[in-house]
Amino acid sequence: MEGVFDNDSTFKLIKKFFVYKLMGSNMFIDYSLPLINVCYKILGIKLTNFAINNSVASLFTSGETIKSLITDIDNYEK
């Protein structure tokens, strides 16, 4: 049976470890949404979403489109 993390690179495993630790902290939980709102006002929605999508979102979602989801499902089924 294949494990959940078997196909992850060492870099991705380290990234997941630190992101999961960060998301478990009370400071992150309390201040992440206000920080995102400030970033939306200062950097704009597109740049903020780009930064989120290219840093941590890929760990939790397939992507921004249905096409990326279908591609990931096909790869998973192989």
Protein backbone atom coordinates (compact mmCIF):
# COMPACT_ATOMS: atom_id res chain seq x y z
CA MET A 1 0.00 0.00 0.00
CA GLU A 2 1.33 3.40 -0.99
CA GLY A 3 1.74 6.02 1.72
CA VAL A 4 0.42 9.57 1.53
CA PHE A 5 3.88 11.13 1.40
CA ASP A 6 5.64 8.54 -0.79
CA ASN A 7 5.67 10.70 -3.93
CA ASP A 8 6.80 13.91 -2.20
CA SER A 9 10.31 15.28 -2.57
CA THR A 10 12.40 16.09 0.48
CA PHE A 11 11.85 19.81 -0.14
CA LYS A 12 8.07 19.33 -0.28
CA LEU A 13 8.09 17.26 2.91
CA ILE A 14 10.04 19.97 4.75
CA LYS A 15 7.68 22.62 3.37
CA LYS A 16 4.65 20.62 4.55
CA PHE A 17 6.18 20.17 7.99
CA PHE A 18 6.73 23.90 8.50
CA VAL A 19 3.37 24.90 7.02
CA TYR A 20 1.51 22.39 9.22
CA LYS A 21 3.42 23.62 12.30
CA LEU A 22 2.64 27.22 11.38
CA MET A 23 -1.04 26.52 10.89
CA GLY A 24 -1.21 24.88 14.28
CA SER A 25 -0.02 28.01 16.07
CA ASN A 26 -2.52 30.28 17.78
CA MET A 27 -0.79 33.39 16.44
CA PHE A 28 -1.30 32.21 12.85
CA ILE A 29 -4.90 31.25 13.53
CA ASP A 30 -5.67 34.61 15.16
CA TYR A 31 -3.90 36.90 12.67
CA SER A 32 -3.91 35.19 9.26
CA LEU A 33 -7.24 36.57 8.03
CA PRO A 34 -6.54 40.16 9.12
CA LEU A 35 -3.08 39.90 7.50
CA ILE A 36 -4.60 38.69 4.23
CA ASN A 37 -7.06 41.60 4.29
CA VAL A 38 -4.20 44.08 4.82
CA CYS A 39 -2.26 42.47 1.96
CA TYR A 40 -5.34 42.77 -0.28
CA LYS A 41 -5.45 46.49 0.43
CA ILE A 42 -1.70 47.09 0.03
CA LEU A 43 -0.66 44.58 -2.64
CA GLY A 44 -3.99 44.00 -4.35
CA ILE A 45 -6.07 40.87 -4.69
CA LYS A 46 -4.22 39.38 -7.67
CA LEU A 47 -0.72 39.69 -6.19
CA THR A 48 -1.82 38.44 -2.76
CA ASN A 49 -3.62 35.44 -4.25
CA PHE A 50 -0.61 34.73 -6.48
CA ALA A 51 1.66 34.70 -3.42
CA ILE A 52 -0.70 32.41 -1.49
CA ASN A 53 -1.19 30.04 -4.44
CA ASN A 54 2.54 29.74 -5.05
CA SER A 55 3.53 29.28 -1.44
CA VAL A 56 1.08 27.17 0.57
CA ALA A 57 -2.13 26.68 -1.39
CA SER A 58 -0.63 23.92 -3.51
CA LEU A 59 -0.32 21.80 -0.38
CA PHE A 60 -4.08 21.87 0.22
CA THR A 61 -5.72 22.29 -3.19
CA SER A 62 -5.31 20.89 -6.67
CA GLY A 63 -5.21 24.31 -8.26
CA GLU A 64 -7.39 27.21 -9.25
CA THR A 65 -9.32 25.53 -12.07
CA ILE A 66 -11.43 22.44 -12.68
CA LYS A 67 -8.92 21.46 -15.39
CA SER A 68 -6.10 21.24 -12.83
CA LEU A 69 -8.33 19.14 -10.58
CA ILE A 70 -9.14 16.72 -13.40
CA THR A 71 -5.43 16.45 -14.28
CA ASP A 72 -4.57 15.67 -10.65
CA ILE A 73 -7.35 13.06 -10.43
CA ASP A 74 -6.08 11.39 -13.61
CA ASN A 75 -2.52 11.35 -12.25
CA TYR A 76 -3.72 9.95 -8.93
CA GLU A 77 -5.69 7.15 -10.60
CA LYS A 78 -2.58 6.07 -12.57
